Amino acid sequence: MPLCTRVDRLSLYTQTLLGIWGPIVVSVGNLLTIVLVLLSDITVGQGVEVITRWNLAGSGAIVVAFGILVYDMVQHTQSHN
């Protein structure tokens, strides 16, 4: 399959998810994909030797930020019950 067709298909899938789930959930999924790529690089890729402190800092910041978002959403939901 040519690259342009794969990119078009990926764009179509992203736009579909954007319409179904909304922009925030799709953005979370896209950013968490960065963390999954880091983990796959460690496990099945070239190993720990290609990981830098910036990779870990960026992935850590993404996980912490979304952890705070989830915590805030849970607290907000509990306060309305």
PDB file of N, CA and C in Angstrom:
ATOM      1  N   MET A   1       0.852  -1.175   0.000  1.00  0.00           N
ATOM      2  CA  MET A   1       0.000   0.000   0.000  1.00  0.00           C
ATOM      3  C   MET A   1       0.897   1.236   0.000  1.00  0.00           C
ATOM      4  N   PRO A   2       0.668   2.176  -0.900  1.00  0.00           N
ATOM      5  CA  PRO A   2       1.487   3.387  -0.943  1.00  0.00           C
ATOM      6  C   PRO A   2       1.345   4.205   0.332  1.00  0.00           C
ATOM      7  N   LEU A   3       2.399   4.957   0.644  1.00  0.00           N
ATOM      8  CA  LEU A   3       2.435   5.748   1.863  1.00  0.00           C
ATOM      9  C   LEU A   3       1.290   6.754   1.918  1.00  0.00           C
ATOM     10  N   CYS A   4       1.008   7.425   0.797  1.00  0.00           N
ATOM     11  CA  CYS A   4      -0.054   8.436   0.812  1.00  0.00           C
ATOM     12  C   CYS A   4      -1.401   7.813   1.151  1.00  0.00           C
ATOM     13  N   THR A   5      -1.641   6.591   0.729  1.00  0.00           N
ATOM     14  CA  THR A   5      -2.897   5.922   1.048  1.00  0.00           C
ATOM     15  C   THR A   5      -2.967   5.609   2.532  1.00  0.00           C
ATOM     16  N   ARG A   6      -1.845   5.185   3.125  1.00  0.00           N
ATOM     17  CA  ARG A   6      -1.820   4.911   4.560  1.00  0.00           C
ATOM     18  C   ARG A   6      -2.045   6.184   5.362  1.00  0.00           C
ATOM     19  N   VAL A   7      -1.431   7.278   4.936  1.00  0.00           N
ATOM     20  CA  VAL A   7      -1.600   8.543   5.633  1.00  0.00           C
ATOM     21  C   VAL A   7      -3.037   9.029   5.510  1.00  0.00           C
ATOM     22  N   ASP A   8      -3.617   8.892   4.318  1.00  0.00           N
ATOM     23  CA  ASP A   8      -5.021   9.278   4.134  1.00  0.00           C
ATOM     24  C   ASP A   8      -5.941   8.446   5.018  1.00  0.00           C
ATOM     25  N   ARG A   9      -5.670   7.169   5.103  1.00  0.00           N
ATOM     26  CA  ARG A   9      -6.485   6.283   5.926  1.00  0.00           C
ATOM     27  C   ARG A   9      -6.338   6.637   7.403  1.00  0.00           C
ATOM     28  N   LEU A  10      -5.111   6.920   7.847  1.00  0.00           N
ATOM     29  CA  LEU A  10      -4.878   7.324   9.230  1.00  0.00           C
ATOM     30  C   LEU A  10      -5.609   8.627   9.544  1.00  0.00           C
ATOM     31  N   SER A  11      -5.570   9.566   8.611  1.00  0.00           N
ATOM     32  CA  SER A  11      -6.286  10.828   8.787  1.00  0.00           C
ATOM     33  C   SER A  11      -7.785  10.588   8.876  1.00  0.00           C
ATOM     34  N   LEU A  12      -8.293   9.692   8.062  1.00  0.00           N
ATOM     35  CA  LEU A  12      -9.716   9.365   8.095  1.00  0.00           C
ATOM     36  C   LEU A  12     -10.097   8.758   9.443  1.00  0.00           C
ATOM     37  N   TYR A  13      -9.277   7.833   9.950  1.00  0.00           N
ATOM     38  CA  TYR A  13      -9.554   7.226  11.246  1.00  0.00           C
ATOM     39  C   TYR A  13      -9.523   8.271  12.357  1.00  0.00           C
ATOM     40  N   THR A  14      -8.546   9.167  12.310  1.00  0.00           N
ATOM     41  CA  THR A  14      -8.437  10.209  13.324  1.00  0.00           C
ATOM     42  C   THR A  14      -9.640  11.131  13.278  1.00  0.00           C
ATOM     43  N   GLN A  15     -10.057  11.517  12.089  1.00  0.00           N
ATOM     44  CA  GLN A  15     -11.222  12.390  11.954  1.00  0.00           C
ATOM     45  C   GLN A  15     -12.496  11.689  12.437  1.00  0.00           C
ATOM     46  N   THR A  16     -12.595  10.395  12.183  1.00  0.00           N
ATOM     47  CA  THR A  16     -13.756   9.640  12.646  1.00  0.00           C
ATOM     48  C   THR A  16     -13.801   9.597  14.164  1.00  0.00           C
ATOM     49  N   LEU A  17     -12.654   9.295  14.774  1.00  0.00           N
ATOM     50  CA  LEU A  17     -12.599   9.278  16.235  1.00  0.00           C
ATOM     51  C   LEU A  17     -12.875  10.651  16.815  1.00  0.00           C
ATOM     52  N   LEU A  18     -12.387  11.677  16.155  1.00  0.00           N
ATOM     53  CA  LEU A  18     -12.619  13.047  16.602  1.00  0.00           C
ATOM     54  C   LEU A  18     -14.111  13.352  16.622  1.00  0.00           C
ATOM     55  N   GLY A  19     -14.817  12.893  15.605  1.00  0.00           N
ATOM     56  CA  GLY A  19     -16.256  13.118  15.557  1.00  0.00           C
ATOM     57  C   GLY A  19     -17.022  12.307  16.584  1.00  0.00           C
ATOM     58  N   ILE A  20     -16.543  11.097  16.879  1.00  0.00           N
ATOM     59  CA  ILE A  20     -17.256  10.225  17.816  1.00  0.00           C
ATOM     60  C   ILE A  20     -16.936  10.600  19.265  1.00  0.00           C
ATOM     61  N   TRP A  21     -15.657  10.717  19.583  1.00  0.00           N
ATOM     62  CA  TRP A  21     -15.233  10.882  20.973  1.00  0.00           C
ATOM     63  C   TRP A  21     -15.061  12.334  21.393  1.00  0.00           C
ATOM     64  N   GLY A  22     -14.806  13.215  20.466  1.00  0.00           N
ATOM     65  CA  GLY A  22     -14.552  14.601  20.814  1.00  0.00           C
ATOM     66  C   GLY A  22     -13.059  14.898  20.849  1.00  0.00           C
ATOM     67  N   PRO A  23     -12.708  16.162  20.792  1.00  0.00           N
ATOM     68  CA  PRO A  23     -11.299  16.539  20.631  1.00  0.00           C
ATOM     69  C   PRO A  23     -10.409  16.223  21.830  1.00  0.00           C
ATOM     70  N   ILE A  24     -10.948  16.266  23.030  1.00  0.00           N
ATOM     71  CA  ILE A  24     -10.097  16.050  24.196  1.00  0.00           C
ATOM     72  C   ILE A  24      -9.659  14.600  24.294  1.00  0.00           C
ATOM     73  N   VAL A  25     -10.580  13.679  24.132  1.00  0.00           N
ATOM     74  CA  VAL A  25     -10.244  12.262  24.235  1.00  0.00           C
ATOM     75  C   VAL A  25      -9.296  11.851  23.112  1.00  0.00           C
ATOM     76  N   VAL A  26      -9.506  12.367  21.915  1.00  0.00           N
ATOM     77  CA  VAL A  26      -8.619  12.039  20.797  1.00  0.00           C
ATOM     78  C   VAL A  26      -7.214  12.594  21.051  1.00  0.00           C
ATOM     79  N   SER A  27      -7.127  13.797  21.611  1.00  0.00           N
ATOM     80  CA  SER A  27      -5.812  14.367  21.930  1.00  0.00           C
ATOM     81  C   SER A  27      -5.102  13.548  22.991  1.00  0.00           C
ATOM     82  N   VAL A  28      -5.846  13.094  23.991  1.00  0.00           N
ATOM     83  CA  VAL A  28      -5.260  12.232  25.030  1.00  0.00           C
ATOM     84  C   VAL A  28      -4.718  10.959  24.394  1.00  0.00           C
ATOM     85  N   GLY A  29      -5.497  10.362  23.534  1.00  0.00           N
ATOM     86  CA  GLY A  29      -5.050   9.137  22.865  1.00  0.00           C
ATOM     87  C   GLY A  29      -3.807   9.356  22.032  1.00  0.00           C
ATOM     88  N   ASN A  30      -3.761  10.466  21.318  1.00  0.00           N
ATOM     89  CA  ASN A  30      -2.584  10.749  20.494  1.00  0.00           C
ATOM     90  C   ASN A  30      -1.346  10.962  21.351  1.00  0.00           C
ATOM     91  N   LEU A  31      -1.485  11.695  22.445  1.00  0.00           N
ATOM     92  CA  LEU A  31      -0.325  11.932  23.303  1.00  0.00           C
ATOM     93  C   LEU A  31       0.115  10.668  24.031  1.00  0.00           C
ATOM     94  N   LEU A  32      -0.831   9.861  24.457  1.00  0.00           N
ATOM     95  CA  LEU A  32      -0.453   8.624  25.126  1.00  0.00           C
ATOM     96  C   LEU A  32       0.193   7.634  24.158  1.00  0.00           C
ATOM     97  N   THR A  33      -0.043   7.805  22.871  1.00  0.00           N
ATOM     98  CA  THR A  33       0.649   6.985  21.879  1.00  0.00           C
ATOM     99  C   THR A  33       2.155   7.214  21.937  1.00  0.00           C
ATOM    100  N   ILE A  34       2.565   8.435  22.266  1.00  0.00           N
ATOM    101  CA  ILE A  34       4.001   8.730  22.423  1.00  0.00           C
ATOM    102  C   ILE A  34       4.592   7.858  23.520  1.00  0.00           C
ATOM    103  N   VAL A  35       3.864   7.714  24.612  1.00  0.00           N
ATOM    104  CA  VAL A  35       4.338   6.880  25.719  1.00  0.00           C
ATOM    105  C   VAL A  35       4.392   5.415  25.289  1.00  0.00           C
ATOM    106  N   LEU A  36       3.391   4.964  24.546  1.00  0.00           N
ATOM    107  CA  LEU A  36       3.395   3.578  24.067  1.00  0.00           C
ATOM    108  C   LEU A  36       4.556   3.306  23.117  1.00  0.00           C
ATOM    109  N   VAL A  37       4.903   4.278  22.290  1.00  0.00           N
ATOM    110  CA  VAL A  37       6.044   4.122  21.384  1.00  0.00           C
ATOM    111  C   VAL A  37       7.333   4.015  22.193  1.00  0.00           C
ATOM    112  N   LEU A  38       7.457   4.812  23.250  1.00  0.00           N
ATOM    113  CA  LEU A  38       8.632   4.725  24.119  1.00  0.00           C
ATOM    114  C   LEU A  38       8.733   3.330  24.734  1.00  0.00           C
ATOM    115  N   LEU A  39       7.618   2.818  25.240  1.00  0.00           N
ATOM    116  CA  LEU A  39       7.632   1.490  25.841  1.00  0.00           C
ATOM    117  C   LEU A  39       7.950   0.400  24.820  1.00  0.00           C
ATOM    118  N   SER A  40       7.428   0.542  23.612  1.00  0.00           N
ATOM    119  CA  SER A  40       7.733  -0.458  22.591  1.00  0.00           C
ATOM    120  C   SER A  40       9.188  -0.370  22.146  1.00  0.00           C
ATOM    121  N   ASP A  41       9.764   0.837  22.124  1.00  0.00           N
ATOM    122  CA  ASP A  41      11.186   0.964  21.816  1.00  0.00           C
ATOM    123  C   ASP A  41      12.038   0.236  22.847  1.00  0.00           C
ATOM    124  N   ILE A  42      11.624   0.322  24.099  1.00  0.00           N
ATOM    125  CA  ILE A  42      12.375  -0.350  25.157  1.00  0.00           C
ATOM    126  C   ILE A  42      12.234  -1.866  25.052  1.00  0.00           C
ATOM    127  N   THR A  43      11.004  -2.342  24.819  1.00  0.00           N
ATOM    128  CA  THR A  43      10.766  -3.787  24.871  1.00  0.00           C
ATOM    129  C   THR A  43      11.118  -4.526  23.582  1.00  0.00           C
ATOM    130  N   VAL A  44      10.706  -4.006  22.445  1.00  0.00           N
ATOM    131  CA  VAL A  44      10.934  -4.734  21.194  1.00  0.00           C
ATOM    132  C   VAL A  44      11.828  -3.980  20.219  1.00  0.00           C
ATOM    133  N   GLY A  45      12.207  -2.781  20.580  1.00  0.00           N
ATOM    134  CA  GLY A  45      13.039  -1.978  19.686  1.00  0.00           C
ATOM    135  C   GLY A  45      14.516  -2.169  19.983  1.00  0.00           C
ATOM    136  N   GLN A  46      15.222  -1.081  19.982  1.00  0.00           N
ATOM    137  CA  GLN A  46      16.664  -1.130  20.168  1.00  0.00           C
ATOM    138  C   GLN A  46      17.070  -1.176  21.632  1.00  0.00           C
ATOM    139  N   GLY A  47      16.124  -1.166  22.515  1.00  0.00           N
ATOM    140  CA  GLY A  47      16.420  -1.330  23.928  1.00  0.00           C
ATOM    141  C   GLY A  47      16.626  -0.022  24.654  1.00  0.00           C
ATOM    142  N   VAL A  48      17.077  -0.140  25.870  1.00  0.00           N
ATOM    143  CA  VAL A  48      17.218   0.999  26.765  1.00  0.00           C
ATOM    144  C   VAL A  48      18.307   1.965  26.296  1.00  0.00           C
ATOM    145  N   GLU A  49      19.264   1.500  25.526  1.00  0.00           N
ATOM    146  CA  GLU A  49      20.383   2.366  25.120  1.00  0.00           C
ATOM    147  C   GLU A  49      19.966   3.526  24.226  1.00  0.00           C
ATOM    148  N   VAL A  50      18.796   3.458  23.585  1.00  0.00           N
ATOM    149  CA  VAL A  50      18.351   4.561  22.740  1.00  0.00           C
ATOM    150  C   VAL A  50      17.472   5.562  23.483  1.00  0.00           C
ATOM    151  N   ILE A  51      17.134   5.267  24.718  1.00  0.00           N
ATOM    152  CA  ILE A  51      16.271   6.137  25.502  1.00  0.00           C
ATOM    153  C   ILE A  51      17.125   7.207  26.179  1.00  0.00           C
ATOM    154  N   THR A  52      16.693   8.457  26.042  1.00  0.00           N
ATOM    155  CA  THR A  52      17.408   9.565  26.679  1.00  0.00           C
ATOM    156  C   THR A  52      16.581  10.101  27.847  1.00  0.00           C
ATOM    157  N   ARG A  53      17.173  10.962  28.610  1.00  0.00           N
ATOM    158  CA  ARG A  53      16.439  11.554  29.732  1.00  0.00           C
ATOM    159  C   ARG A  53      15.295  12.428  29.223  1.00  0.00           C
ATOM    160  N   TRP A  54      15.448  12.962  28.013  1.00  0.00           N
ATOM    161  CA  TRP A  54      14.381  13.795  27.440  1.00  0.00           C
ATOM    162  C   TRP A  54      13.187  12.946  27.044  1.00  0.00           C
ATOM    163  N   ASN A  55      13.444  11.730  26.570  1.00  0.00           N
ATOM    164  CA  ASN A  55      12.331  10.807  26.288  1.00  0.00           C
ATOM    165  C   ASN A  55      11.553  10.509  27.560  1.00  0.00           C
ATOM    166  N   LEU A  56      12.291  10.211  28.612  1.00  0.00           N
ATOM    167  CA  LEU A  56      11.640   9.889  29.880  1.00  0.00           C
ATOM    168  C   LEU A  56      10.935  11.100  30.476  1.00  0.00           C
ATOM    169  N   ALA A  57      11.559  12.279  30.368  1.00  0.00           N
ATOM    170  CA  ALA A  57      10.936  13.498  30.900  1.00  0.00           C
ATOM    171  C   ALA A  57       9.647  13.823  30.144  1.00  0.00           C
ATOM    172  N   GLY A  58       9.671  13.729  28.834  1.00  0.00           N
ATOM    173  CA  GLY A  58       8.485  14.021  28.037  1.00  0.00           C
ATOM    174  C   GLY A  58       7.363  13.037  28.293  1.00  0.00           C
ATOM    175  N   SER A  59       7.690  11.754  28.306  1.00  0.00           N
ATOM    176  CA  SER A  59       6.670  10.739  28.564  1.00  0.00           C
ATOM    177  C   SER A  59       6.142  10.860  29.985  1.00  0.00           C
ATOM    178  N   GLY A  60       7.038  11.125  30.911  1.00  0.00           N
ATOM    179  CA  GLY A  60       6.614  11.306  32.299  1.00  0.00           C
ATOM    180  C   GLY A  60       5.693  12.496  32.458  1.00  0.00           C
ATOM    181  N   ALA A  61       6.007  13.596  31.769  1.00  0.00           N
ATOM    182  CA  ALA A  61       5.161  14.787  31.844  1.00  0.00           C
ATOM    183  C   ALA A  61       3.773  14.510  31.269  1.00  0.00           C
ATOM    184  N   ILE A  62       3.711  13.751  30.186  1.00  0.00           N
ATOM    185  CA  ILE A  62       2.418  13.398  29.587  1.00  0.00           C
ATOM    186  C   ILE A  62       1.592  12.561  30.556  1.00  0.00           C
ATOM    187  N   VAL A  63       2.214  11.553  31.156  1.00  0.00           N
ATOM    188  CA  VAL A  63       1.495  10.678  32.082  1.00  0.00           C
ATOM    189  C   VAL A  63       1.033  11.455  33.314  1.00  0.00           C
ATOM    190  N   VAL A  64       1.909  12.297  33.871  1.00  0.00           N
ATOM    191  CA  VAL A  64       1.542  13.080  35.055  1.00  0.00           C
ATOM    192  C   VAL A  64       0.407  14.054  34.725  1.00  0.00           C
ATOM    193  N   ALA A  65       0.497  14.726  33.590  1.00  0.00           N
ATOM    194  CA  ALA A  65      -0.544  15.692  33.211  1.00  0.00           C
ATOM    195  C   ALA A  65      -1.896  15.022  33.070  1.00  0.00           C
ATOM    196  N   PHE A  66      -1.934  13.870  32.423  1.00  0.00           N
ATOM    197  CA  PHE A  66      -3.212  13.197  32.271  1.00  0.00           C
ATOM    198  C   PHE A  66      -3.660  12.548  33.568  1.00  0.00           C
ATOM    199  N   GLY A  67      -2.735  12.181  34.426  1.00  0.00           N
ATOM    200  CA  GLY A  67      -3.099  11.706  35.757  1.00  0.00           C
ATOM    201  C   GLY A  67      -3.794  12.802  36.555  1.00  0.00           C
ATOM    202  N   ILE A  68      -3.267  14.020  36.475  1.00  0.00           N
ATOM    203  CA  ILE A  68      -3.900  15.161  37.141  1.00  0.00           C
ATOM    204  C   ILE A  68      -5.280  15.428  36.550  1.00  0.00           C
ATOM    205  N   LEU A  69      -5.394  15.334  35.235  1.00  0.00           N
ATOM    206  CA  LEU A  69      -6.686  15.539  34.575  1.00  0.00           C
ATOM    207  C   LEU A  69      -7.708  14.511  35.040  1.00  0.00           C
ATOM    208  N   VAL A  70      -7.314  13.251  35.106  1.00  0.00           N
ATOM    209  CA  VAL A  70      -8.226  12.191  35.557  1.00  0.00           C
ATOM    210  C   VAL A  70      -8.613  12.414  37.018  1.00  0.00           C
ATOM    211  N   TYR A  71      -7.641  12.757  37.852  1.00  0.00           N
ATOM    212  CA  TYR A  71      -7.925  13.017  39.262  1.00  0.00           C
ATOM    213  C   TYR A  71      -8.933  14.157  39.402  1.00  0.00           C
ATOM    214  N   ASP A  72      -8.727  15.228  38.657  1.00  0.00           N
ATOM    215  CA  ASP A  72      -9.634  16.374  38.719  1.00  0.00           C
ATOM    216  C   ASP A  72     -11.030  15.995  38.236  1.00  0.00           C
ATOM    217  N   MET A  73     -11.108  15.197  37.186  1.00  0.00           N
ATOM    218  CA  MET A  73     -12.413  14.776  36.674  1.00  0.00           C
ATOM    219  C   MET A  73     -13.139  13.899  37.690  1.00  0.00           C
ATOM    220  N   VAL A  74     -12.412  12.999  38.355  1.00  0.00           N
ATOM    221  CA  VAL A  74     -13.022  12.135  39.363  1.00  0.00           C
ATOM    222  C   VAL A  74     -13.516  12.972  40.539  1.00  0.00           C
ATOM    223  N   GLN A  75     -12.704  13.918  40.982  1.00  0.00           N
ATOM    224  CA  GLN A  75     -13.119  14.780  42.091  1.00  0.00           C
ATOM    225  C   GLN A  75     -14.344  15.610  41.714  1.00  0.00           C
ATOM    226  N   HIS A  76     -14.360  16.105  40.493  1.00  0.00           N
ATOM    227  CA  HIS A  76     -15.489  16.899  40.018  1.00  0.00           C
ATOM    228  C   HIS A  76     -16.758  16.058  39.947  1.00  0.00           C
ATOM    229  N   THR A  77     -16.637  14.821  39.495  1.00  0.00           N
ATOM    230  CA  THR A  77     -17.778  13.921  39.391  1.00  0.00           C
ATOM    231  C   THR A  77     -18.311  13.558  40.777  1.00  0.00           C
ATOM    232  N   GLN A  78     -17.403  13.314  41.725  1.00  0.00           N
ATOM    233  CA  GLN A  78     -17.829  12.944  43.071  1.00  0.00           C
ATOM    234  C   GLN A  78     -18.504  14.108  43.789  1.00  0.00           C
ATOM    235  N   SER A  79     -18.096  15.325  43.490  1.00  0.00           N
ATOM    236  CA  SER A  79     -18.695  16.482  44.162  1.00  0.00           C
ATOM    237  C   SER A  79     -20.120  16.755  43.675  1.00  0.00           C
ATOM    238  N   HIS A  80     -20.474  16.247  42.497  1.00  0.00           N
ATOM    239  CA  HIS A  80     -21.825  16.439  41.964  1.00  0.00           C
ATOM    240  C   HIS A  80     -22.778  15.344  42.425  1.00  0.00           C
ATOM    241  N   ASN A  81     -22.257  14.293  43.034  1.00  0.00           N
ATOM    242  CA  ASN A  81     -23.133  13.187  43.482  1.00  0.00           C
ATOM    243  C   ASN A  81     -23.615  13.384  44.876  1.00  0.00           C
TER     244      ASN A  81
END
